[in-house]
Amino acid sequence: MTTLAKPVYIIGTDALACYLAARFQDAGEQAVIVAAPAEIKSLGTNGVSIKEEFSTLKKKHYTFETTFWIRNEPQAVFFTTTPDELNAALSSVSTDKLGTAPVVCFSLLKNSGCLQDILGTPVNKAHFSGWLIKNDQQIILKGRQPQITFYSPLSKQTEKKLTHLFAPAKLPLNFAPSENDFFWQTFALQSACGLLCTAGDKTIAQILKNKPLTDRLKELLNEFARLAAADGVTLSVDQIMKNIIAIPGGYVFPLHADFRTGRHRGFSQMYDIIAQTARRAGTRIPLTSSLLDRIYEIYLSIT
């Protein structure tokens, strides 16, 4: 009798959740998306189309197996939700079902210790380097081959399991020991671009074509560099600007996309990290503060 492989559970319905589920599905894994009933209905029935730029397969349609909670012992568990949604996402996990499965969190968290305490198992933090856009039932991967970097110290057994899982899915992996530097570099890029794009309702490509707006972006990044210094992290604004300039055309930051549709996932967590760090550092961040206030006004006007 053939023994069925354990499923791969992906908790979230964002672009990354769907993209990972599609890649694992193509690799022959049982990929199951976990979320609230209202969020997964269309994924299980209508599915999504995924288009990868620079790929020979221009577009492919996927439907996914879905569930409200983890039903049996998994091969691995991946969280892709925004930090604001993590508490709700944890309710779908029964700790006695996890077994020895690696748990990976793609949410941009400053501290994942609380997750480890709740789940009772090591939580491995990861970053997806690609640029994904989700529009209704279509997901577009901008740019070339993405990579996944794991930042928490992994046991040799966990590293072996993840490498074995991702190899058939053709997603290259990197393993790095330091996480704090990574957090601020990623948080500064995502937050500065997200704030400026959202407040002015412009894409990053439009901002980079406008010198006054580009100067404001650099000013924002300098404010984030002062925040990072409070954690002993030195940010290179020039290097982050190079990374921003390399972002594929047409990419829309998640914060901007959410506010266009009346949502505000991730905003409160961003606000809290910025405000708490500024207080602790005793530093003024006038441009960042004004943009946070502007976006809060936008949120109030659409709710």
Protein backbone atom coordinates (compact mmCIF):
# COMPACT_ATOMS: atom_id res chain seq x y z
CA MET A 1 0.00 0.00 0.00
CA THR A 2 1.33 3.46 -0.96
CA THR A 3 1.83 5.85 1.95
CA LEU A 4 0.60 9.33 1.12
CA ALA A 5 3.02 12.17 1.78
CA LYS A 6 2.10 14.59 4.53
CA PRO A 7 0.49 17.83 3.32
CA VAL A 8 2.18 21.21 3.19
CA TYR A 9 -0.01 23.78 4.98
CA ILE A 10 0.18 27.44 3.96
CA ILE A 11 -1.62 29.83 6.31
CA GLY A 12 -2.71 32.92 4.38
CA THR A 13 -4.47 33.92 1.16
CA ASP A 14 -2.13 36.62 -0.08
CA ALA A 15 -0.07 36.49 -3.27
CA LEU A 16 2.82 34.66 -1.59
CA ALA A 17 0.52 31.98 -0.14
CA CYS A 18 -0.96 31.27 -3.57
CA TYR A 19 2.42 31.35 -5.29
CA LEU A 20 3.97 28.89 -2.83
CA ALA A 21 0.94 26.59 -3.07
CA ALA A 22 1.21 26.62 -6.86
CA ARG A 23 4.93 25.81 -6.85
CA PHE A 24 4.46 22.96 -4.38
CA GLN A 25 1.47 21.69 -6.37
CA ASP A 26 3.60 21.64 -9.53
CA ALA A 27 6.23 19.67 -7.59
CA GLY A 28 3.65 16.99 -6.72
CA GLU A 29 3.05 18.00 -3.10
CA GLN A 30 -0.34 18.21 -1.43
CA ALA A 31 -0.46 21.96 -0.78
CA VAL A 32 -3.33 23.11 1.45
CA ILE A 33 -4.21 26.77 2.03
CA VAL A 34 -5.53 27.59 5.53
CA ALA A 35 -7.70 30.63 6.26
CA ALA A 36 -11.15 31.77 7.39
CA PRO A 37 -14.14 30.43 5.38
CA ALA A 38 -14.90 33.75 3.67
CA GLU A 39 -11.29 34.13 2.49
CA ILE A 40 -10.76 30.68 1.00
CA LYS A 41 -14.09 30.15 -0.78
CA SER A 42 -12.97 31.54 -4.13
CA LEU A 43 -9.53 29.89 -3.94
CA GLY A 44 -11.12 26.46 -3.67
CA THR A 45 -13.69 27.05 -6.41
CA ASN A 46 -12.40 29.69 -8.83
CA GLY A 47 -8.71 29.48 -8.05
CA VAL A 48 -6.13 31.91 -9.42
CA SER A 49 -4.07 32.40 -12.56
CA ILE A 50 -0.34 32.88 -12.04
CA LYS A 51 1.81 34.66 -14.56
CA GLU A 52 5.59 34.70 -14.25
CA GLU A 53 7.44 37.29 -16.28
CA PHE A 54 10.44 35.90 -18.19
CA SER A 55 8.92 32.41 -17.95
CA THR A 56 8.16 30.11 -20.86
CA LEU A 57 4.80 29.41 -19.22
CA LYS A 58 3.07 32.75 -19.64
CA LYS A 59 0.05 31.92 -17.48
CA LYS A 60 -1.26 28.87 -15.64
CA HIS A 61 -4.50 28.43 -13.70
CA TYR A 62 -4.62 26.77 -10.28
CA THR A 63 -7.32 25.72 -7.86
CA PHE A 64 -6.27 24.85 -4.33
CA GLU A 65 -7.28 22.48 -1.58
CA THR A 66 -8.42 24.62 1.35
CA THR A 67 -9.28 24.19 5.01
CA PHE A 68 -10.09 26.23 8.12
CA TRP A 69 -7.52 24.52 10.35
CA ILE A 70 -4.62 22.06 10.26
CA ARG A 71 -6.29 18.67 10.19
CA ASN A 72 -3.37 16.26 10.41
CA GLU A 73 0.38 16.16 10.87
CA PRO A 74 2.03 18.31 8.19
CA GLN A 75 5.23 18.05 6.24
CA ALA A 76 5.76 21.77 6.90
CA VAL A 77 3.73 24.85 7.92
CA PHE A 78 4.18 28.30 6.37
CA PHE A 79 2.70 31.56 7.65
CA THR A 80 2.42 34.27 4.97
CA THR A 81 -0.11 36.57 6.67
CA THR A 82 0.61 40.17 7.61
CA PRO A 83 1.79 40.65 11.22
CA ASP A 84 -1.63 42.11 12.09
CA GLU A 85 -3.30 38.86 11.06
CA LEU A 86 -0.99 36.45 12.87
CA ASN A 87 -3.05 36.16 16.08
CA ALA A 88 -6.10 35.07 14.11
CA ALA A 89 -3.97 32.75 11.99
CA LEU A 90 -2.61 30.97 15.07
CA SER A 91 -6.12 29.81 15.97
CA SER A 92 -6.03 27.46 12.97
CA VAL A 93 -3.07 25.54 14.39
CA SER A 94 -3.40 22.71 16.91
CA THR A 95 0.00 22.36 18.52
CA ASP A 96 -0.48 18.62 19.06
CA LYS A 97 -0.78 18.19 15.26
CA LEU A 98 2.55 19.83 14.39
CA GLY A 99 4.76 16.88 15.24
CA THR A 100 8.31 17.54 13.97
CA ALA A 101 7.24 19.68 11.01
CA PRO A 102 9.27 22.85 10.34
CA VAL A 103 7.26 26.03 10.98
CA VAL A 104 8.24 28.98 8.79
CA CYS A 105 7.02 32.57 9.16
CA PHE A 106 7.28 34.97 6.20
CA SER A 107 5.54 37.77 8.13
CA LEU A 108 7.86 40.72 8.70
CA LEU A 109 8.18 40.53 12.50
CA LYS A 110 10.69 42.32 14.68
CA ASN A 111 10.41 39.56 17.27
CA SER A 112 8.95 36.11 16.67
CA GLY A 113 9.49 34.87 20.22
CA CYS A 114 5.77 35.06 21.00
CA LEU A 115 5.00 32.65 18.13
CA GLN A 116 7.50 30.16 19.46
CA ASP A 117 5.99 30.41 22.94
CA ILE A 118 2.44 29.84 21.64
CA LEU A 119 3.28 26.99 19.26
CA GLY A 120 5.82 25.31 21.51
CA THR A 121 8.18 24.68 18.60
CA PRO A 122 10.96 26.67 16.89
CA VAL A 123 9.66 29.22 14.37
CA ASN A 124 11.99 29.82 11.45
CA LYS A 125 11.85 33.30 9.92
CA ALA A 126 12.12 33.67 6.17
CA HIS A 127 12.04 36.26 3.40
CA PHE A 128 10.75 35.88 -0.17
CA SER A 129 12.84 38.03 -2.50
CA GLY A 130 10.41 38.15 -5.45
CA TRP A 131 7.91 40.88 -6.28
CA LEU A 132 4.35 39.55 -6.35
CA ILE A 133 1.16 41.41 -7.24
CA LYS A 134 -2.32 39.98 -6.64
CA ASN A 135 -5.25 41.44 -8.58
CA ASP A 136 -8.47 39.56 -7.85
CA GLN A 137 -7.88 36.11 -9.38
CA GLN A 138 -4.57 36.85 -11.04
CA ILE A 139 -1.09 36.85 -9.52
CA ILE A 140 1.91 38.25 -11.35
CA LEU A 141 5.51 37.56 -10.42
CA LYS A 142 7.56 40.57 -11.49
CA GLY A 143 11.23 40.16 -12.31
CA ARG A 144 13.33 37.04 -12.59
CA GLN A 145 13.80 33.94 -10.44
CA PRO A 146 13.03 34.73 -6.77
CA GLN A 147 14.85 33.25 -3.80
CA ILE A 148 13.95 32.42 -0.23
CA THR A 149 16.30 33.28 2.64
CA PHE A 150 15.99 31.72 6.10
CA TYR A 151 17.28 33.95 8.88
CA SER A 152 16.71 32.11 12.15
CA PRO A 153 19.37 29.59 13.15
CA LEU A 154 18.11 26.26 11.81
CA SER A 155 18.91 22.79 13.06
CA LYS A 156 20.62 20.55 10.49
CA GLN A 157 17.51 18.37 10.43
CA THR A 158 15.20 21.33 9.68
CA GLU A 159 17.56 22.68 7.01
CA LYS A 160 17.62 19.25 5.37
CA LYS A 161 13.82 18.97 5.42
CA LEU A 162 13.30 22.42 3.90
CA THR A 163 15.95 21.88 1.23
CA HIS A 164 14.33 18.56 0.29
CA LEU A 165 10.90 20.20 0.12
CA PHE A 166 11.87 23.26 -1.93
CA ALA A 167 14.23 21.62 -4.43
CA PRO A 168 11.45 20.05 -6.59
CA ALA A 169 9.55 23.37 -6.40
CA LYS A 170 12.59 25.03 -8.00
CA LEU A 171 12.84 27.77 -5.41
CA PRO A 172 16.50 28.45 -4.46
CA LEU A 173 17.22 28.75 -0.73
CA ASN A 174 19.73 30.80 1.23
CA PHE A 175 20.53 30.35 4.92
CA ALA A 176 21.80 33.32 6.96
CA PRO A 177 22.49 33.48 10.72
CA SER A 178 21.81 37.20 11.33
CA GLU A 179 18.19 38.41 11.41
CA ASN A 180 18.26 41.88 12.97
CA ASP A 181 20.11 43.53 10.08
CA PHE A 182 17.73 41.88 7.64
CA PHE A 183 14.66 43.14 9.50
CA TRP A 184 15.61 46.80 9.34
CA GLN A 185 16.77 46.69 5.72
CA THR A 186 13.53 45.05 4.63
CA PHE A 187 11.30 47.06 6.97
CA ALA A 188 12.85 50.37 5.89
CA LEU A 189 12.42 49.62 2.18
CA GLN A 190 8.87 48.28 2.51
CA SER A 191 7.70 50.98 4.94
CA ALA A 192 9.29 54.02 3.28
CA CYS A 193 8.07 53.03 -0.19
CA GLY A 194 4.67 51.91 1.11
CA LEU A 195 4.09 55.15 3.02
CA LEU A 196 5.10 57.46 0.17
CA CYS A 197 3.20 55.47 -2.48
CA THR A 198 0.05 55.26 -0.37
CA ALA A 199 -0.02 58.89 0.74
CA GLY A 200 0.31 60.14 -2.84
CA ASP A 201 -1.46 57.22 -4.57
CA LYS A 202 1.55 56.70 -6.87
CA THR A 203 3.56 53.62 -7.80
CA ILE A 204 7.23 53.43 -6.95
CA ALA A 205 8.03 53.77 -10.67
CA GLN A 206 6.16 57.10 -10.76
CA ILE A 207 7.99 58.31 -7.66
CA LEU A 208 11.39 57.46 -9.10
CA LYS A 209 10.60 59.52 -12.21
CA ASN A 210 9.87 62.59 -10.09
CA LYS A 211 12.94 64.22 -8.51
CA PRO A 212 11.13 65.99 -5.62
CA LEU A 213 9.42 62.70 -4.70
CA THR A 214 12.69 60.78 -5.03
CA ASP A 215 14.32 63.30 -2.68
CA ARG A 216 11.46 62.75 -0.20
CA LEU A 217 12.04 59.00 -0.43
CA LYS A 218 15.72 59.48 0.43
CA GLU A 219 14.72 61.73 3.33
CA LEU A 220 12.36 59.01 4.58
CA LEU A 221 15.10 56.38 4.35
CA ASN A 222 17.43 58.61 6.37
CA GLU A 223 14.78 58.79 9.09
CA PHE A 224 14.51 54.99 9.06
CA ALA A 225 18.31 54.78 9.30
CA ARG A 226 18.10 56.77 12.55
CA LEU A 227 15.46 54.34 13.84
CA ALA A 228 17.59 51.32 12.93
CA ALA A 229 20.55 52.84 14.76
CA ALA A 230 18.54 52.51 17.98
CA ASP A 231 18.88 48.73 17.53
CA GLY A 232 22.56 48.97 16.68
CA VAL A 233 21.93 48.46 12.95
CA THR A 234 23.68 50.62 10.35
CA LEU A 235 21.58 51.11 7.22
CA SER A 236 23.09 52.17 3.91
CA VAL A 237 20.56 54.52 2.33
CA ASP A 238 22.46 54.40 -0.96
CA GLN A 239 22.24 50.60 -1.05
CA ILE A 240 18.52 50.59 -0.25
CA MET A 241 17.96 53.16 -3.01
CA LYS A 242 19.79 50.86 -5.44
CA ASN A 243 17.48 48.02 -4.37
CA ILE A 244 14.43 50.25 -4.89
CA ILE A 245 15.58 51.35 -8.34
CA ALA A 246 15.89 47.66 -9.28
CA ILE A 247 12.24 46.93 -8.41
CA PRO A 248 10.45 45.74 -11.58
CA GLY A 249 8.14 48.25 -13.24
CA GLY A 250 4.46 47.98 -12.35
CA TYR A 251 5.03 46.64 -8.84
CA VAL A 252 2.56 47.92 -6.23
CA PHE A 253 3.52 47.75 -2.55
CA PRO A 254 1.10 45.79 -0.32
CA LEU A 255 0.26 48.80 1.87
CA HIS A 256 -0.67 50.83 -1.23
CA ALA A 257 -2.69 47.96 -2.72
CA ASP A 258 -4.59 47.46 0.54
CA PHE A 259 -5.57 51.10 0.92
CA ARG A 260 -6.80 51.18 -2.68
CA THR A 261 -9.31 48.50 -1.68
CA GLY A 262 -10.20 49.93 1.73
CA ARG A 263 -8.05 47.53 3.76
CA HIS A 264 -5.23 48.37 6.12
CA ARG A 265 -3.46 45.11 6.88
CA GLY A 266 0.00 45.67 8.34
CA PHE A 267 -0.45 49.40 8.93
CA SER A 268 -0.96 49.27 12.70
CA GLN A 269 2.05 47.00 13.18
CA MET A 270 4.19 49.34 11.05
CA TYR A 271 2.92 52.34 13.02
CA ASP A 272 3.68 50.69 16.38
CA ILE A 273 7.24 49.69 15.46
CA ILE A 274 8.04 53.17 14.13
CA ALA A 275 6.47 55.03 17.07
CA GLN A 276 8.00 52.80 19.76
CA THR A 277 11.47 52.88 18.22
CA ALA A 278 11.38 56.66 17.78
CA ARG A 279 10.44 57.12 21.45
CA ARG A 280 13.15 54.74 22.60
CA ALA A 281 15.76 56.39 20.38
CA GLY A 282 14.63 59.90 21.28
CA THR A 283 14.80 60.88 17.63
CA ARG A 284 12.48 63.04 15.52
CA ILE A 285 11.11 61.65 12.27
CA PRO A 286 8.91 64.51 10.97
CA LEU A 287 8.37 63.26 7.41
CA THR A 288 7.56 59.69 8.49
CA SER A 289 5.17 61.00 11.17
CA SER A 290 3.36 63.27 8.71
CA LEU A 291 2.88 60.42 6.24
CA LEU A 292 1.59 58.10 8.97
CA ASP A 293 -0.94 60.77 9.97
CA ARG A 294 -1.95 61.30 6.32
CA ILE A 295 -2.54 57.60 5.76
CA TYR A 296 -4.52 57.33 8.99
CA GLU A 297 -6.75 60.13 7.65
CA ILE A 298 -7.18 58.19 4.41
CA TYR A 299 -8.17 55.12 6.38
CA LEU A 300 -10.76 57.06 8.39
CA SER A 301 -12.26 58.50 5.18
CA ILE A 302 -12.87 55.05 3.66
CA THR A 303 -14.22 53.21 6.72
